[in-house]
């Protein structure tokens, strides 16, 4: 039996190769666009979740302390722009610091005025595992305005040993 001549299949093989290359390039472009859209969506979702947490905390503290002006009613934390942090790390650090200071809500303002350094020490500590990085938090400003405690802090990356 004779082997058929392969030359008559060359143009089909070239078309198949072009088709497969087009599929690979098209799928790579699609995945790039999909990843970009998903990253934007994840960042927006993190921002909205942070806003929801802040608003829920405000509602909770205001409803709990609306008749008591001598108590700390709300805690607001702000991360200063010192080091380059991505948006998700900023939101996570603010959430962790707010969680650590949440116990201050409802305390007497007079207690805060006696020893404000105690409240600074609550959050001046390392925060490990924030998106695979460790950060040291340093309080820059601690301010009590009416019944709201406002904290501005800076986060510096820690090197892992």
N, C-alpha and C. Protein backbone atom coordinates (compact mmCIF):
# COMPACT_ATOMS: atom_id res chain seq x y z
N UNK A 1 0.83 -1.17 0.00
CA UNK A 1 0.00 0.00 0.00
C UNK A 1 0.88 1.23 0.00
N UNK A 2 0.42 2.25 -0.67
CA UNK A 2 1.19 3.45 -0.87
C UNK A 2 0.76 4.54 0.13
N UNK A 3 1.71 5.36 0.65
CA UNK A 3 1.44 6.47 1.57
C UNK A 3 0.97 7.65 0.73
N UNK A 4 -0.15 8.31 1.13
CA UNK A 4 -0.65 9.43 0.32
C UNK A 4 0.31 10.62 0.38
N UNK A 5 0.26 11.43 -0.63
CA UNK A 5 1.12 12.61 -0.74
C UNK A 5 0.64 13.66 0.28
N UNK A 6 1.56 14.17 1.08
CA UNK A 6 1.24 15.11 2.15
C UNK A 6 1.09 16.53 1.63
N UNK A 7 1.57 16.83 0.46
CA UNK A 7 1.53 18.20 -0.08
C UNK A 7 0.11 18.70 -0.27
N UNK A 8 -0.84 17.86 -0.53
CA UNK A 8 -2.19 18.34 -0.76
C UNK A 8 -2.89 18.76 0.54
N UNK A 9 -2.31 18.46 1.71
CA UNK A 9 -2.89 18.86 3.00
C UNK A 9 -2.21 20.08 3.61
N UNK A 10 -1.19 20.62 2.97
CA UNK A 10 -0.44 21.74 3.54
C UNK A 10 -1.30 22.99 3.74
N UNK A 11 -2.16 23.34 2.77
CA UNK A 11 -2.97 24.55 2.92
C UNK A 11 -3.99 24.39 4.06
N UNK A 12 -4.51 23.18 4.29
CA UNK A 12 -5.41 22.95 5.43
C UNK A 12 -4.66 23.05 6.76
N UNK A 13 -3.42 22.56 6.78
CA UNK A 13 -2.60 22.63 7.99
C UNK A 13 -2.27 24.09 8.33
N UNK A 14 -1.99 24.92 7.33
CA UNK A 14 -1.71 26.34 7.56
C UNK A 14 -2.95 27.04 8.10
N UNK A 15 -4.12 26.74 7.55
CA UNK A 15 -5.37 27.34 8.03
C UNK A 15 -5.66 26.92 9.48
N UNK A 16 -5.43 25.66 9.77
CA UNK A 16 -5.63 25.18 11.14
C UNK A 16 -4.69 25.88 12.11
N UNK A 17 -3.43 26.08 11.72
CA UNK A 17 -2.46 26.78 12.56
C UNK A 17 -2.88 28.22 12.80
N UNK A 18 -3.35 28.91 11.76
CA UNK A 18 -3.82 30.29 11.92
C UNK A 18 -5.05 30.34 12.83
N UNK A 19 -5.94 29.40 12.66
CA UNK A 19 -7.13 29.36 13.50
C UNK A 19 -6.77 29.15 14.96
N UNK A 20 -5.87 28.21 15.25
CA UNK A 20 -5.45 27.96 16.63
C UNK A 20 -4.71 29.16 17.22
N UNK A 21 -3.86 29.82 16.43
CA UNK A 21 -3.15 31.01 16.91
C UNK A 21 -4.14 32.13 17.22
N UNK A 22 -5.14 32.28 16.38
CA UNK A 22 -6.17 33.29 16.64
C UNK A 22 -6.95 33.00 17.90
N UNK A 23 -7.24 31.72 18.14
CA UNK A 23 -7.95 31.36 19.36
C UNK A 23 -7.11 31.68 20.60
N UNK A 24 -5.83 31.38 20.55
CA UNK A 24 -4.95 31.63 21.69
C UNK A 24 -4.82 33.13 21.95
N UNK A 25 -4.60 33.91 20.91
CA UNK A 25 -4.46 35.36 21.07
C UNK A 25 -5.77 35.97 21.55
N UNK A 26 -6.88 35.52 21.00
CA UNK A 26 -8.17 36.04 21.42
C UNK A 26 -8.47 35.73 22.88
N UNK A 27 -8.16 34.51 23.30
CA UNK A 27 -8.41 34.16 24.70
C UNK A 27 -7.49 34.93 25.63
N UNK A 28 -6.24 35.19 25.22
CA UNK A 28 -5.33 35.99 26.05
C UNK A 28 -5.85 37.42 26.19
N UNK A 29 -6.34 38.01 25.12
CA UNK A 29 -6.90 39.36 25.20
C UNK A 29 -8.15 39.38 26.08
N UNK A 30 -8.98 38.40 25.93
CA UNK A 30 -10.18 38.33 26.75
C UNK A 30 -9.85 38.22 28.23
N UNK A 31 -8.88 37.37 28.58
CA UNK A 31 -8.49 37.22 29.98
C UNK A 31 -7.89 38.50 30.53
N UNK A 32 -7.12 39.23 29.73
CA UNK A 32 -6.55 40.50 30.18
C UNK A 32 -7.64 41.51 30.50
N UNK A 33 -8.62 41.62 29.64
CA UNK A 33 -9.74 42.54 29.87
C UNK A 33 -10.55 42.09 31.07
N UNK A 34 -10.78 40.81 31.20
CA UNK A 34 -11.55 40.27 32.32
C UNK A 34 -10.85 40.53 33.64
N UNK A 35 -9.53 40.32 33.69
CA UNK A 35 -8.77 40.55 34.92
C UNK A 35 -8.80 42.02 35.31
N UNK A 36 -8.67 42.92 34.34
CA UNK A 36 -8.70 44.36 34.63
C UNK A 36 -10.06 44.75 35.20
N UNK A 37 -11.13 44.29 34.58
CA UNK A 37 -12.47 44.59 35.09
C UNK A 37 -12.69 44.02 36.47
N UNK A 38 -12.19 42.82 36.72
CA UNK A 38 -12.36 42.20 38.03
C UNK A 38 -11.56 42.95 39.09
N UNK A 39 -10.37 43.42 38.77
CA UNK A 39 -9.58 44.20 39.73
C UNK A 39 -10.28 45.50 40.09
N UNK A 40 -10.83 46.18 39.10
CA UNK A 40 -11.57 47.41 39.37
C UNK A 40 -12.79 47.13 40.24
N UNK A 41 -13.46 46.04 39.94
CA UNK A 41 -14.64 45.66 40.72
C UNK A 41 -14.27 45.31 42.16
N UNK A 42 -13.17 44.60 42.35
CA UNK A 42 -12.73 44.23 43.70
C UNK A 42 -12.35 45.46 44.51
N UNK A 43 -11.66 46.42 43.91
CA UNK A 43 -11.29 47.65 44.62
C UNK A 43 -12.53 48.45 44.99
N UNK A 44 -13.48 48.56 44.09
CA UNK A 44 -14.71 49.30 44.37
C UNK A 44 -15.52 48.59 45.47
N UNK A 45 -15.54 47.28 45.41
CA UNK A 45 -16.25 46.51 46.43
C UNK A 45 -15.62 46.73 47.80
N UNK A 46 -14.30 46.74 47.88
CA UNK A 46 -13.61 46.97 49.16
C UNK A 46 -13.93 48.37 49.69
N UNK A 47 -13.95 49.37 48.82
CA UNK A 47 -14.29 50.73 49.24
C UNK A 47 -15.71 50.80 49.77
N UNK A 48 -16.64 50.17 49.06
CA UNK A 48 -18.03 50.19 49.49
C UNK A 48 -18.24 49.43 50.80
N UNK A 49 -17.53 48.31 50.98
CA UNK A 49 -17.64 47.58 52.23
C UNK A 49 -17.10 48.41 53.39
N UNK A 50 -16.01 49.15 53.16
CA UNK A 50 -15.47 50.02 54.19
C UNK A 50 -16.48 51.11 54.54
N UNK A 51 -17.10 51.69 53.54
CA UNK A 51 -18.10 52.73 53.77
C UNK A 51 -19.30 52.17 54.54
N UNK A 52 -19.72 50.96 54.20
CA UNK A 52 -20.83 50.33 54.93
C UNK A 52 -20.46 50.13 56.39
N UNK A 53 -19.24 49.63 56.65
CA UNK A 53 -18.81 49.41 58.04
C UNK A 53 -18.79 50.71 58.82
N UNK A 54 -18.29 51.78 58.20
CA UNK A 54 -18.22 53.07 58.89
C UNK A 54 -19.62 53.58 59.18
N UNK A 55 -20.51 53.49 58.20
CA UNK A 55 -21.87 53.98 58.40
C UNK A 55 -22.63 53.15 59.43
N UNK A 56 -22.45 51.83 59.41
CA UNK A 56 -23.10 50.99 60.42
C UNK A 56 -22.57 51.30 61.81
N UNK A 57 -21.27 51.53 61.91
CA UNK A 57 -20.68 51.88 63.19
C UNK A 57 -21.22 53.23 63.69
N UNK A 58 -21.34 54.18 62.78
CA UNK A 58 -21.89 55.48 63.17
C UNK A 58 -23.32 55.35 63.65
N UNK A 59 -24.12 54.60 62.92
CA UNK A 59 -25.52 54.41 63.31
C UNK A 59 -25.59 53.73 64.68
N UNK A 60 -24.77 52.71 64.87
CA UNK A 60 -24.77 51.99 66.14
C UNK A 60 -24.37 52.89 67.30
N UNK A 61 -23.30 53.64 67.13
CA UNK A 61 -22.82 54.48 68.23
C UNK A 61 -23.74 55.67 68.47
N UNK A 62 -24.29 56.26 67.42
CA UNK A 62 -25.19 57.38 67.61
C UNK A 62 -26.50 56.95 68.27
N UNK A 63 -27.01 55.79 67.88
CA UNK A 63 -28.25 55.33 68.50
C UNK A 63 -28.01 54.93 69.95
N UNK A 64 -26.82 54.43 70.25
CA UNK A 64 -26.50 54.02 71.62
C UNK A 64 -26.24 55.23 72.52
N UNK A 65 -25.66 56.27 71.95
CA UNK A 65 -25.22 57.39 72.77
C UNK A 65 -25.85 58.72 72.36
N UNK A 66 -27.02 58.72 71.79
CA UNK A 66 -27.58 59.96 71.27
C UNK A 66 -27.99 60.94 72.37
N UNK A 67 -28.25 60.46 73.56
CA UNK A 67 -28.65 61.34 74.65
C UNK A 67 -27.51 61.63 75.62
N UNK A 68 -26.35 61.06 75.37
CA UNK A 68 -25.24 61.20 76.31
C UNK A 68 -24.09 61.94 75.63
N UNK A 69 -23.93 63.23 75.92
CA UNK A 69 -22.89 64.01 75.29
C UNK A 69 -21.55 63.84 76.00
N UNK A 70 -21.53 63.30 77.21
CA UNK A 70 -20.29 63.14 77.96
C UNK A 70 -19.59 61.82 77.65
N UNK A 71 -20.07 61.11 76.66
CA UNK A 71 -19.48 59.83 76.28
C UNK A 71 -18.92 59.93 74.87
N UNK A 72 -17.94 59.10 74.60
CA UNK A 72 -17.37 59.03 73.25
C UNK A 72 -18.40 58.33 72.38
N UNK A 73 -18.86 59.04 71.37
CA UNK A 73 -19.94 58.51 70.55
C UNK A 73 -19.47 57.75 69.34
N UNK A 74 -18.42 58.18 68.70
CA UNK A 74 -17.98 57.53 67.48
C UNK A 74 -16.47 57.55 67.37
N UNK A 75 -15.94 56.59 66.65
CA UNK A 75 -14.50 56.48 66.41
C UNK A 75 -14.28 56.53 64.92
N UNK A 76 -13.43 57.43 64.47
CA UNK A 76 -13.12 57.58 63.06
C UNK A 76 -11.62 57.48 62.88
N UNK A 77 -11.19 56.61 61.99
CA UNK A 77 -9.76 56.42 61.75
C UNK A 77 -9.44 56.84 60.32
N UNK A 78 -8.26 57.42 60.17
CA UNK A 78 -7.80 57.90 58.87
C UNK A 78 -6.34 57.49 58.71
N UNK A 79 -6.02 56.89 57.60
CA UNK A 79 -4.65 56.51 57.29
C UNK A 79 -4.00 57.63 56.52
N UNK A 80 -2.87 58.15 57.04
CA UNK A 80 -2.16 59.22 56.35
C UNK A 80 -1.37 58.63 55.19
N UNK A 81 -1.18 59.45 54.18
CA UNK A 81 -0.47 59.01 52.98
C UNK A 81 1.03 59.15 53.19
N UNK A 82 1.64 58.18 53.84
CA UNK A 82 3.08 58.23 54.07
C UNK A 82 3.83 57.29 53.14
N UNK A 83 3.39 56.08 53.08
CA UNK A 83 4.03 55.06 52.25
C UNK A 83 3.05 54.62 51.17
N UNK A 84 3.59 54.06 50.12
CA UNK A 84 2.74 53.58 49.03
C UNK A 84 2.10 52.26 49.44
N UNK A 85 0.81 52.31 49.69
CA UNK A 85 0.03 51.12 50.01
C UNK A 85 -1.06 50.96 48.97
N UNK A 86 -1.38 49.73 48.65
CA UNK A 86 -2.48 49.54 47.71
C UNK A 86 -3.80 49.76 48.45
N UNK A 87 -4.86 49.95 47.68
CA UNK A 87 -6.16 50.33 48.24
C UNK A 87 -6.70 49.27 49.20
N UNK A 88 -6.51 48.01 48.86
CA UNK A 88 -7.04 46.95 49.71
C UNK A 88 -6.32 46.91 51.06
N UNK A 89 -5.00 47.15 51.07
CA UNK A 89 -4.26 47.17 52.32
C UNK A 89 -4.68 48.35 53.18
N UNK A 90 -4.92 49.50 52.55
CA UNK A 90 -5.37 50.68 53.30
C UNK A 90 -6.70 50.40 53.98
N UNK A 91 -7.62 49.83 53.23
CA UNK A 91 -8.95 49.55 53.78
C UNK A 91 -8.84 48.53 54.92
N UNK A 92 -8.01 47.51 54.74
CA UNK A 92 -7.87 46.48 55.76
C UNK A 92 -7.22 47.04 57.02
N UNK A 93 -6.19 47.88 56.88
CA UNK A 93 -5.56 48.49 58.05
C UNK A 93 -6.53 49.40 58.79
N UNK A 94 -7.29 50.21 58.06
CA UNK A 94 -8.27 51.08 58.71
C UNK A 94 -9.33 50.25 59.44
N UNK A 95 -9.72 49.13 58.84
CA UNK A 95 -10.72 48.27 59.47
C UNK A 95 -10.18 47.66 60.76
N UNK A 96 -8.92 47.20 60.74
CA UNK A 96 -8.34 46.59 61.94
C UNK A 96 -8.13 47.61 63.06
N UNK A 97 -7.67 48.81 62.70
CA UNK A 97 -7.48 49.84 63.72
C UNK A 97 -8.83 50.25 64.29
N UNK A 98 -9.84 50.38 63.44
CA UNK A 98 -11.17 50.74 63.93
C UNK A 98 -11.72 49.65 64.85
N UNK A 99 -11.46 48.39 64.52
CA UNK A 99 -11.92 47.29 65.35
C UNK A 99 -11.23 47.34 66.73
N UNK A 100 -9.93 47.69 66.76
CA UNK A 100 -9.23 47.78 68.03
C UNK A 100 -9.72 48.95 68.88
N UNK A 101 -10.15 50.03 68.24
CA UNK A 101 -10.63 51.20 68.98
C UNK A 101 -12.13 51.17 69.25
N UNK A 102 -12.82 50.18 68.77
CA UNK A 102 -14.27 50.13 68.93
C UNK A 102 -14.66 50.02 70.40
N UNK A 103 -13.77 49.46 71.22
CA UNK A 103 -14.08 49.32 72.65
C UNK A 103 -14.14 50.68 73.34
N UNK A 104 -13.57 51.71 72.75
CA UNK A 104 -13.56 53.05 73.32
C UNK A 104 -14.95 53.69 73.20
N UNK A 105 -15.71 53.28 72.23
CA UNK A 105 -17.04 53.86 72.01
C UNK A 105 -17.92 53.61 73.22
N UNK A 106 -18.51 54.68 73.74
CA UNK A 106 -19.37 54.58 74.91
C UNK A 106 -18.66 54.85 76.22
N UNK A 107 -17.32 55.03 76.19
CA UNK A 107 -16.57 55.35 77.41
C UNK A 107 -16.72 56.83 77.73
N UNK A 108 -16.45 57.17 78.95
CA UNK A 108 -16.54 58.56 79.39
C UNK A 108 -15.44 59.41 78.75
N UNK A 109 -15.78 60.63 78.39
CA UNK A 109 -14.79 61.55 77.83
C UNK A 109 -13.75 61.89 78.89
N UNK A 110 -14.16 61.94 80.14
CA UNK A 110 -13.22 62.24 81.22
C UNK A 110 -12.14 61.16 81.34
N UNK A 111 -12.51 59.90 81.10
CA UNK A 111 -11.51 58.82 81.12
C UNK A 111 -10.49 59.00 80.02
N UNK A 112 -10.96 59.44 78.88
CA UNK A 112 -10.04 59.67 77.76
C UNK A 112 -9.09 60.82 78.08
N UNK A 113 -9.60 61.85 78.68
CA UNK A 113 -8.77 63.02 79.00
C UNK A 113 -7.73 62.71 80.06
N UNK A 114 -8.00 61.75 80.94
CA UNK A 114 -7.03 61.38 81.97
C UNK A 114 -5.77 60.77 81.38
N UNK A 115 -5.94 59.86 80.43
CA UNK A 115 -4.79 59.14 79.88
C UNK A 115 -4.98 58.84 78.40
N UNK A 116 -4.73 59.83 77.52
CA UNK A 116 -4.89 59.57 76.09
C UNK A 116 -3.83 58.62 75.52
N UNK A 117 -2.67 58.52 76.20
CA UNK A 117 -1.62 57.63 75.70
C UNK A 117 -2.05 56.16 75.78
N UNK A 118 -2.93 55.85 76.70
CA UNK A 118 -3.46 54.49 76.78
C UNK A 118 -4.19 54.12 75.50
N UNK A 119 -4.95 55.06 74.97
CA UNK A 119 -5.69 54.80 73.73
C UNK A 119 -4.76 54.72 72.54
N UNK A 120 -3.66 55.46 72.60
CA UNK A 120 -2.67 55.37 71.51
C UNK A 120 -2.01 54.00 71.51
N UNK A 121 -1.75 53.47 72.70
CA UNK A 121 -1.08 52.17 72.81
C UNK A 121 -1.98 51.02 72.35
N UNK A 122 -3.29 51.26 72.30
CA UNK A 122 -4.19 50.22 71.81
C UNK A 122 -3.91 49.87 70.36
N UNK A 123 -3.47 50.86 69.59
CA UNK A 123 -3.30 50.61 68.16
C UNK A 123 -1.86 50.72 67.69
N UNK A 124 -0.95 51.24 68.51
CA UNK A 124 0.45 51.31 68.11
C UNK A 124 1.09 49.95 68.33
N UNK A 125 0.94 49.10 67.36
CA UNK A 125 1.47 47.75 67.44
C UNK A 125 1.60 47.22 66.01
N UNK A 126 2.30 46.12 65.83
CA UNK A 126 2.37 45.54 64.49
C UNK A 126 1.06 44.84 64.13
N UNK A 127 0.69 44.98 62.87
CA UNK A 127 -0.49 44.31 62.33
C UNK A 127 0.00 43.30 61.29
N UNK A 128 0.12 42.03 61.67
CA UNK A 128 0.64 41.04 60.73
C UNK A 128 -0.43 40.52 59.78
N UNK A 129 0.02 40.05 58.63
CA UNK A 129 -0.85 39.36 57.71
C UNK A 129 -1.87 40.21 56.98
N UNK A 130 -1.52 41.45 56.68
CA UNK A 130 -2.40 42.30 55.89
C UNK A 130 -2.02 42.08 54.43
N UNK A 131 -2.73 41.19 53.77
CA UNK A 131 -2.44 40.80 52.39
C UNK A 131 -0.97 40.43 52.23
N UNK A 132 -0.53 39.50 53.07
CA UNK A 132 0.81 38.92 53.05
C UNK A 132 1.91 39.92 53.39
N UNK A 133 1.60 40.99 54.06
CA UNK A 133 2.62 41.94 54.52
C UNK A 133 2.31 42.30 55.96
N UNK A 134 3.36 42.71 56.69
CA UNK A 134 3.21 43.14 58.06
C UNK A 134 3.42 44.65 58.11
N UNK A 135 2.65 45.34 58.95
CA UNK A 135 2.74 46.79 59.06
C UNK A 135 2.83 47.19 60.53
N UNK A 136 3.64 48.21 60.80
CA UNK A 136 3.72 48.83 62.12
C UNK A 136 2.92 50.12 62.06
N UNK A 137 1.99 50.27 62.98
CA UNK A 137 1.12 51.44 62.99
C UNK A 137 1.64 52.43 64.03
N UNK A 138 1.69 53.69 63.63
CA UNK A 138 2.13 54.77 64.53
C UNK A 138 1.07 55.86 64.48
N UNK A 139 0.59 56.27 65.65
CA UNK A 139 -0.44 57.30 65.74
C UNK A 139 0.21 58.66 65.54
N UNK A 140 -0.33 59.42 64.60
CA UNK A 140 0.16 60.78 64.36
C UNK A 140 -0.66 61.80 65.13
N UNK A 141 -1.98 61.66 65.10
CA UNK A 141 -2.86 62.60 65.78
C UNK A 141 -4.01 61.84 66.41
N UNK A 142 -4.33 62.22 67.63
CA UNK A 142 -5.45 61.65 68.35
C UNK A 142 -6.26 62.83 68.87
N UNK A 143 -7.49 62.97 68.39
CA UNK A 143 -8.27 64.16 68.67
C UNK A 143 -9.68 63.77 69.10
N UNK A 144 -10.16 64.45 70.14
CA UNK A 144 -11.53 64.26 70.59
C UNK A 144 -12.30 65.53 70.31
N UNK A 145 -13.22 65.47 69.35
CA UNK A 145 -14.03 66.61 68.96
C UNK A 145 -15.46 66.30 69.36
N UNK A 146 -15.99 67.11 70.27
CA UNK A 146 -17.32 66.90 70.85
C UNK A 146 -17.39 65.48 71.40
N UNK A 147 -18.08 64.58 70.77
CA UNK A 147 -18.15 63.21 71.28
C UNK A 147 -17.57 62.22 70.27
N UNK A 148 -16.73 62.69 69.35
CA UNK A 148 -16.13 61.82 68.34
C UNK A 148 -14.63 61.75 68.55
N UNK A 149 -14.11 60.54 68.55
CA UNK A 149 -12.67 60.32 68.63
C UNK A 149 -12.15 60.14 67.21
N UNK A 150 -11.24 61.00 66.82
CA UNK A 150 -10.65 60.92 65.48
C UNK A 150 -9.17 60.59 65.62
N UNK A 151 -8.73 59.60 64.82
CA UNK A 151 -7.36 59.12 64.89
C UNK A 151 -6.76 59.15 63.49
N UNK A 152 -5.60 59.79 63.37
CA UNK A 152 -4.83 59.76 62.13
C UNK A 152 -3.58 58.95 62.43
N UNK A 153 -3.33 57.96 61.60
CA UNK A 153 -2.17 57.09 61.84
C UNK A 153 -1.41 56.86 60.55
N UNK A 154 -0.19 56.36 60.74
CA UNK A 154 0.68 56.06 59.60
C UNK A 154 1.09 54.59 59.73
N UNK A 155 1.17 53.91 58.62
CA UNK A 155 1.55 52.50 58.60
C UNK A 155 2.85 52.35 57.83
N UNK A 156 3.81 51.69 58.48
CA UNK A 156 5.11 51.43 57.84
C UNK A 156 5.28 49.93 57.69
N UNK A 157 5.76 49.50 56.52
CA UNK A 157 5.95 48.06 56.33
C UNK A 157 7.05 47.51 57.24
N UNK A 158 6.82 46.35 57.81
CA UNK A 158 7.81 45.66 58.61
C UNK A 158 8.47 44.59 57.75
N UNK A 159 9.75 44.39 57.97
CA UNK A 159 10.44 43.32 57.23
C UNK A 159 10.33 42.03 58.03
N UNK A 160 10.03 40.97 57.32
CA UNK A 160 9.91 39.66 57.96
C UNK A 160 11.29 39.06 58.09
N UNK A 161 11.52 38.45 59.23
CA UNK A 161 12.83 37.81 59.46
C UNK A 161 12.77 36.35 59.14
